[in-house]
Amino acid sequence: MTTQPPGWYPDPVNANRQRWWDGNAWGVHVASNGTTRVEPLPPTTPTTARASRRMPVWAWILIGAVALIPIILLSPVVAVIALVVLITGIVALTRGTRTWLRLNSRKAAIAVTAAAAGVLLVTGSVSAAVLPNTGAGGKVEAAPFAELRSPEDAQRSEESRDARPTPTPTPTPVASTRDEVVTEVVPFTETRVDDGALPAGQTQVRTPGQNGERSLTYRVHLLDGQEVSRELISDVITTEPITQVIANGTYVAPPPPPAPAPAAPAGNCDSNYADACVPIDSDVDCAGGSGNGPSYFNGIARVVGSDIYDLDRDGDGLACEPY
């Protein structure tokens, strides 16, 4: 796998999905049914070094010689089994499936296929060298493994091979990214201020509000041109919003002054009192008091002369002042 370029390949843990290969090692991103997610590889158990227990060379030679005995005796059977395993391994490599051999990775499929091819080559050679084939002259000749089949079997094998559909290679998903800019409106806010020059109950827009604008930049992740995820990488306000200012009127007009009392004719006012007209009569009492007239003065007058009508009872200079 180390010679493969970076790309998506069958997951060594689960061949039904794809895993990213960066050219040197498997990544943490897996893809399945058009979606990608992060799933680290499970930890592997380190193999224990057994340098001190290495078998000698003669032991390996002896094991190999003993292993050749069943291969020689059962070479046709072993050849058939090796052929089945070889075909299954090729199917697993082509379609990326586990098959009945339960091959969990592409490396395992390659190893099993190569081993089956080697066993098939050895057993074929052994069968050709050991199995006799008598010719017309009675001479024993070596018969190759392919000649042990009948013509009918060979024809059926050719027909089944021609009728077998050509396996379709699994396409490798193509991952890519693009940046997308989205513009959004930033609504303005509103504030109110009191204005003593504006009548109460009235409002007036002093500063009109204006919306702002912001730019959002997303990084979109694609798998075979289809979006699988996106992330926000930039958020910038390109135009600041303007706050709207509204004035609230607080001015309350004072009540109008009371209408002045009608002035009495100047010729009928006593000159001993000022600021108001105290009538001239035999006796004048304050209106609302206990006097009996015949004339009454309604209001407050300032005593400027002699208080002939005794209207200033407390002597403060003001006539008919209420107590």
Protein backbone atom coordinates (compact mmCIF):
# COMPACT_ATOMS: atom_id res chain seq x y z
CA MET A 1 0.00 0.00 0.00
CA THR A 2 3.01 2.30 0.48
CA THR A 3 3.42 2.66 -3.33
CA GLN A 4 -0.17 3.89 -3.83
CA PRO A 5 -0.71 7.65 -4.43
CA PRO A 6 -2.90 9.61 -1.98
CA GLY A 7 -6.61 8.90 -2.40
CA TRP A 8 -9.65 6.94 -1.19
CA TYR A 9 -9.23 3.14 -0.96
CA PRO A 10 -11.14 0.24 0.70
CA ASP A 11 -10.87 0.49 4.47
CA PRO A 12 -8.53 -2.22 5.87
CA VAL A 13 -10.91 -2.51 8.86
CA ASN A 14 -14.20 -2.59 6.87
CA ALA A 15 -14.01 -3.22 3.11
CA ASN A 16 -17.60 -1.94 2.61
CA ARG A 17 -16.43 1.67 2.98
CA GLN A 18 -13.51 3.90 1.87
CA ARG A 19 -10.62 5.30 3.95
CA TRP A 20 -8.22 8.13 2.99
CA TRP A 21 -4.62 7.10 2.22
CA ASP A 22 -2.14 10.04 2.36
CA GLY A 23 0.63 8.19 0.50
CA ASN A 24 2.40 6.95 3.65
CA ALA A 25 -0.25 5.86 6.14
CA TRP A 26 -4.01 5.51 6.60
CA GLY A 27 -5.83 8.68 7.70
CA VAL A 28 -8.69 9.12 10.18
CA HIS A 29 -11.37 10.07 7.57
CA VAL A 30 -13.72 7.36 6.23
CA ALA A 31 -16.45 7.67 3.56
CA SER A 32 -19.63 5.63 3.24
CA ASN A 33 -22.85 6.29 1.25
CA GLY A 34 -21.69 9.75 0.21
CA THR A 35 -20.84 10.96 3.74
CA THR A 36 -17.48 11.36 5.47
CA ARG A 37 -16.66 11.18 9.14
CA VAL A 38 -13.64 10.87 11.42
CA GLU A 39 -12.91 7.35 12.70
CA PRO A 40 -9.32 6.52 13.76
CA LEU A 41 -7.93 3.07 13.06
CA PRO A 42 -8.18 0.67 16.05
CA PRO A 43 -4.88 0.19 17.89
CA THR A 44 -2.87 -2.82 16.77
CA THR A 45 -1.24 -5.23 19.16
CA PRO A 46 2.54 -5.10 18.74
CA THR A 47 4.12 -8.44 17.96
CA THR A 48 6.53 -9.75 20.52
CA ALA A 49 10.07 -10.14 19.28
CA ARG A 50 11.23 -13.72 19.39
CA ALA A 51 14.82 -13.34 18.31
CA SER A 52 15.92 -15.72 21.03
CA ARG A 53 13.54 -18.46 19.75
CA ARG A 54 14.49 -18.53 16.08
CA MET A 55 14.34 -21.99 14.59
CA PRO A 56 17.49 -23.27 12.93
CA VAL A 57 17.71 -23.57 9.17
CA TRP A 58 17.70 -27.40 9.21
CA ALA A 59 14.37 -27.36 11.07
CA TRP A 60 12.74 -25.21 8.36
CA ILE A 61 14.17 -27.57 5.68
CA LEU A 62 12.72 -30.55 7.50
CA ILE A 63 9.29 -28.87 7.86
CA GLY A 64 9.29 -27.99 4.14
CA ALA A 65 10.18 -31.58 3.18
CA VAL A 66 7.41 -33.00 5.35
CA ALA A 67 4.91 -30.45 3.91
CA LEU A 68 5.76 -31.62 0.37
CA ILE A 69 4.59 -35.17 1.13
CA PRO A 70 0.81 -34.37 1.29
CA ILE A 71 1.22 -31.93 -1.59
CA ILE A 72 2.73 -34.70 -3.73
CA LEU A 73 0.23 -37.34 -2.67
CA LEU A 74 -2.83 -35.07 -2.79
CA SER A 75 -1.68 -32.66 -5.49
CA PRO A 76 -4.94 -32.81 -7.55
CA VAL A 77 -7.07 -32.03 -4.50
CA VAL A 78 -4.70 -29.31 -3.28
CA ALA A 79 -4.63 -27.84 -6.79
CA VAL A 80 -8.43 -27.58 -6.90
CA ILE A 81 -8.54 -25.92 -3.47
CA ALA A 82 -5.75 -23.51 -4.45
CA LEU A 83 -7.63 -22.67 -7.69
CA VAL A 84 -10.83 -21.85 -5.74
CA VAL A 85 -8.90 -19.67 -3.26
CA LEU A 86 -7.09 -17.92 -6.14
CA ILE A 87 -10.36 -17.05 -7.92
CA THR A 88 -11.92 -15.87 -4.65
CA GLY A 89 -8.90 -13.67 -3.90
CA ILE A 90 -9.07 -12.09 -7.37
CA VAL A 91 -12.77 -11.33 -6.88
CA ALA A 92 -12.04 -9.79 -3.46
CA LEU A 93 -9.34 -7.55 -4.97
CA THR A 94 -11.53 -6.49 -7.90
CA ARG A 95 -14.76 -5.77 -6.05
CA GLY A 96 -13.30 -4.73 -2.69
CA THR A 97 -15.43 -7.26 -0.76
CA ARG A 98 -14.54 -9.69 2.02
CA THR A 99 -15.99 -12.84 0.27
CA TRP A 100 -16.27 -16.10 2.20
CA LEU A 101 -12.55 -15.91 3.10
CA ARG A 102 -13.34 -12.88 5.40
CA LEU A 103 -10.43 -10.84 4.02
CA ASN A 104 -10.43 -7.62 6.10
CA SER A 105 -7.87 -5.68 4.06
CA ARG A 106 -6.47 -5.35 0.56
CA LYS A 107 -3.05 -6.45 1.82
CA ALA A 108 -4.53 -9.70 3.15
CA ALA A 109 -6.32 -10.32 -0.16
CA ILE A 110 -3.06 -9.81 -2.09
CA ALA A 111 -1.18 -12.19 0.23
CA VAL A 112 -3.84 -14.94 0.01
CA THR A 113 -4.07 -14.62 -3.80
CA ALA A 114 -0.28 -14.81 -4.21
CA ALA A 115 -0.04 -17.84 -1.90
CA ALA A 116 -2.83 -19.64 -3.77
CA ALA A 117 -1.11 -18.94 -7.11
CA GLY A 118 2.17 -20.33 -5.74
CA VAL A 119 0.49 -23.50 -4.39
CA LEU A 120 -1.37 -23.98 -7.70
CA LEU A 121 1.91 -23.67 -9.63
CA VAL A 122 3.70 -26.16 -7.40
CA THR A 123 0.85 -28.72 -7.37
CA GLY A 124 0.48 -28.46 -11.14
CA SER A 125 4.14 -29.11 -11.62
CA VAL A 126 4.05 -32.04 -9.16
CA SER A 127 0.99 -33.54 -10.93
CA ALA A 128 2.68 -33.25 -14.31
CA ALA A 129 5.78 -34.95 -12.99
CA VAL A 130 4.16 -37.72 -10.93
CA LEU A 131 0.85 -38.72 -12.59
CA PRO A 132 1.50 -41.19 -15.48
CA ASN A 133 0.03 -40.86 -18.96
CA THR A 134 0.34 -43.94 -21.22
CA GLY A 135 0.59 -43.26 -24.92
CA ALA A 136 -0.13 -45.48 -27.91
CA GLY A 137 3.26 -47.21 -27.65
CA GLY A 138 2.75 -48.15 -24.00
CA LYS A 139 5.26 -45.53 -22.86
CA VAL A 140 4.46 -43.66 -19.68
CA GLU A 141 4.38 -39.89 -20.24
CA ALA A 142 3.83 -37.02 -17.83
CA ALA A 143 0.38 -35.51 -18.19
CA PRO A 144 -0.17 -31.87 -17.29
CA PHE A 145 -2.99 -30.95 -14.91
CA ALA A 146 -5.02 -29.32 -17.65
CA GLU A 147 -5.16 -32.62 -19.66
CA LEU A 148 -6.87 -34.48 -16.80
CA ARG A 149 -10.16 -32.76 -17.62
CA SER A 150 -12.52 -34.23 -20.19
CA PRO A 151 -13.31 -32.23 -23.36
CA GLU A 152 -16.87 -31.70 -22.11
CA ASP A 153 -15.56 -30.24 -18.83
CA ALA A 154 -13.15 -27.98 -20.69
CA GLN A 155 -15.94 -26.75 -22.99
CA ARG A 156 -18.25 -26.08 -20.04
CA SER A 157 -15.45 -24.22 -18.26
CA GLU A 158 -14.84 -22.04 -21.32
CA GLU A 159 -18.57 -21.31 -21.67
CA SER A 160 -18.95 -20.42 -18.00
CA ARG A 161 -15.89 -18.16 -18.20
CA ASP A 162 -17.34 -16.38 -21.23
CA ALA A 163 -20.77 -16.01 -19.58
CA ARG A 164 -19.33 -14.63 -16.36
CA PRO A 165 -19.90 -10.85 -16.19
CA THR A 166 -16.86 -8.64 -16.17
CA PRO A 167 -16.44 -7.20 -12.65
CA THR A 168 -16.88 -3.44 -12.48
CA PRO A 169 -14.08 -1.65 -10.61
CA THR A 170 -15.15 0.38 -7.61
CA PRO A 171 -14.78 4.10 -8.41
CA THR A 172 -12.56 6.07 -6.06
CA PRO A 173 -14.41 9.03 -4.47
CA VAL A 174 -12.86 12.43 -5.22
CA ALA A 175 -12.72 14.85 -2.27
CA SER A 176 -12.49 18.61 -2.86
CA THR A 177 -13.26 21.95 -1.18
CA ARG A 178 -14.50 25.37 -2.23
CA ASP A 179 -15.06 28.71 -0.46
CA GLU A 180 -18.55 30.25 -0.55
CA VAL A 181 -19.39 33.84 0.50
CA VAL A 182 -22.87 34.61 1.89
CA THR A 183 -24.08 38.20 2.48
CA GLU A 184 -26.51 38.94 5.33
CA VAL A 185 -28.32 42.09 6.49
CA VAL A 186 -27.43 43.53 9.91
CA PRO A 187 -30.62 45.28 11.20
CA PHE A 188 -30.23 48.71 12.81
CA THR A 189 -31.18 49.41 16.43
CA GLU A 190 -33.36 52.23 17.84
CA THR A 191 -32.81 54.61 20.74
CA ARG A 192 -35.04 57.36 22.24
CA VAL A 193 -34.09 60.69 23.85
CA ASP A 194 -36.18 63.30 25.72
CA ASP A 195 -36.61 66.70 24.08
CA GLY A 196 -37.86 69.58 26.27
CA ALA A 197 -38.56 71.75 23.21
CA LEU A 198 -40.97 69.21 21.70
CA PRO A 199 -44.55 69.14 23.09
CA ALA A 200 -45.33 66.16 25.31
CA GLY A 201 -46.91 63.21 23.45
CA GLN A 202 -45.16 64.01 20.15
CA THR A 203 -42.18 62.12 18.66
CA GLN A 204 -39.74 63.08 15.96
CA VAL A 205 -37.09 61.06 14.08
CA ARG A 206 -33.82 62.92 14.55
CA THR A 207 -31.51 60.34 12.87
CA PRO A 208 -33.01 57.81 10.40
CA GLY A 209 -31.81 54.21 10.92
CA GLN A 210 -29.99 52.29 8.21
CA ASN A 211 -29.27 48.53 7.99
CA GLY A 212 -25.70 47.27 7.79
CA GLU A 213 -24.20 44.32 5.93
CA ARG A 214 -21.97 41.38 6.88
CA SER A 215 -20.07 38.79 4.79
CA LEU A 216 -19.88 35.16 5.94
CA THR A 217 -17.26 32.93 4.26
CA TYR A 218 -17.83 29.15 4.44
CA ARG A 219 -15.42 26.36 3.44
CA VAL A 220 -17.57 23.71 1.73
CA HIS A 221 -16.28 20.10 1.70
CA LEU A 222 -17.35 18.04 -1.33
CA LEU A 223 -17.21 14.33 -2.13
CA ASP A 224 -17.66 13.58 -5.84
CA GLY A 225 -19.09 17.08 -6.27
CA GLN A 226 -21.72 16.66 -3.50
CA GLU A 227 -21.59 18.81 -0.37
CA VAL A 228 -20.99 16.75 2.80
CA SER A 229 -20.18 19.51 5.33
CA ARG A 230 -19.24 23.19 5.67
CA GLU A 231 -17.40 25.30 8.23
CA LEU A 232 -17.43 29.06 8.92
CA ILE A 233 -13.95 30.52 8.39
CA SER A 234 -14.70 34.28 8.28
CA ASP A 235 -17.39 36.67 9.63
CA VAL A 236 -16.81 40.34 8.71
CA ILE A 237 -19.21 43.32 9.01
CA THR A 238 -18.60 45.24 5.79
CA THR A 239 -21.11 48.07 6.49
CA GLU A 240 -21.89 49.21 10.03
CA PRO A 241 -25.62 49.80 10.78
CA ILE A 242 -26.75 53.35 11.72
CA THR A 243 -28.78 53.64 14.92
CA GLN A 244 -32.15 55.39 14.57
CA VAL A 245 -32.65 58.24 17.10
CA ILE A 246 -36.23 59.25 18.04
CA ALA A 247 -36.99 62.31 20.23
CA ASN A 248 -39.81 62.14 22.79
CA GLY A 249 -41.48 65.51 23.56
CA THR A 250 -41.57 66.50 27.26
CA TYR A 251 -42.58 70.20 27.06
CA VAL A 252 -45.78 71.04 28.95
CA ALA A 253 -47.14 74.61 28.43
CA PRO A 254 -47.98 76.54 31.67
CA PRO A 255 -51.65 77.33 32.31
CA PRO A 256 -52.83 80.76 31.05
CA PRO A 257 -52.90 83.58 33.67
CA PRO A 258 -56.30 84.36 35.23
CA ALA A 259 -58.28 87.11 33.62
CA PRO A 260 -57.92 90.41 35.53
CA ALA A 261 -60.93 91.55 37.51
CA PRO A 262 -62.76 94.36 35.84
CA ALA A 263 -61.55 97.67 37.24
CA ALA A 264 -64.06 99.84 39.00
CA PRO A 265 -64.51 103.34 37.72
CA ALA A 266 -61.69 105.53 38.99
CA GLY A 267 -64.06 108.09 40.42
CA ASN A 268 -65.66 105.53 42.79
CA CYS A 269 -62.45 104.13 44.35
CA ASP A 270 -61.17 105.29 47.74
CA SER A 271 -57.71 106.87 47.45
CA ASN A 272 -56.58 105.42 50.80
CA TYR A 273 -56.17 102.03 49.07
CA ALA A 274 -54.09 101.05 46.06
CA ASP A 275 -53.64 98.05 43.72
CA ALA A 276 -57.41 97.46 43.82
CA CYS A 277 -60.55 99.52 43.83
CA VAL A 278 -62.10 99.84 47.28
CA PRO A 279 -65.51 101.55 46.77
CA ILE A 280 -66.42 104.81 48.51
CA ASP A 281 -69.36 104.33 50.83
CA SER A 282 -70.55 104.93 54.37
CA ASP A 283 -69.03 101.53 55.30
CA VAL A 284 -67.14 98.88 53.32
CA ASP A 285 -66.52 95.35 54.57
CA CYS A 286 -64.42 92.49 53.15
CA ALA A 287 -66.48 90.12 51.00
CA GLY A 288 -67.04 86.82 52.73
CA GLY A 289 -66.49 88.38 56.17
CA SER A 290 -68.88 89.11 59.01
CA GLY A 291 -69.48 92.77 58.09
CA ASN A 292 -72.88 94.02 57.06
CA GLY A 293 -71.98 96.56 54.37
CA PRO A 294 -73.64 98.28 52.79
CA SER A 295 -70.65 97.85 50.34
CA TYR A 296 -68.17 94.96 50.10
CA PHE A 297 -64.63 94.72 48.72
CA ASN A 298 -63.61 91.49 46.98
CA GLY A 299 -59.84 91.18 46.65
CA ILE A 300 -56.65 92.45 48.31
CA ALA A 301 -55.71 96.12 48.40
CA ARG A 302 -52.66 97.88 49.76
CA VAL A 303 -53.27 100.56 52.43
CA VAL A 304 -51.55 103.74 51.30
CA GLY A 305 -53.39 106.20 53.45
CA SER A 306 -55.77 105.80 56.43
CA ASP A 307 -57.59 102.50 56.85
CA ILE A 308 -60.95 104.24 57.24
CA TYR A 309 -62.95 101.01 56.73
CA ASP A 310 -60.79 98.93 59.14
CA LEU A 311 -60.02 96.38 56.39
CA ASP A 312 -56.43 95.74 57.61
CA ARG A 313 -57.10 93.85 60.83
CA ASP A 314 -53.54 92.51 61.30
CA GLY A 315 -51.86 95.83 60.45
CA ASP A 316 -49.55 94.43 57.74
CA GLY A 317 -50.64 97.06 55.21
CA LEU A 318 -52.85 94.76 53.17
CA ALA A 319 -56.62 95.13 53.25
CA CYS A 320 -58.93 92.08 53.19
CA GLU A 321 -55.96 89.67 53.24
CA PRO A 322 -57.27 86.19 53.99
CA TYR A 323 -56.12 84.64 57.22
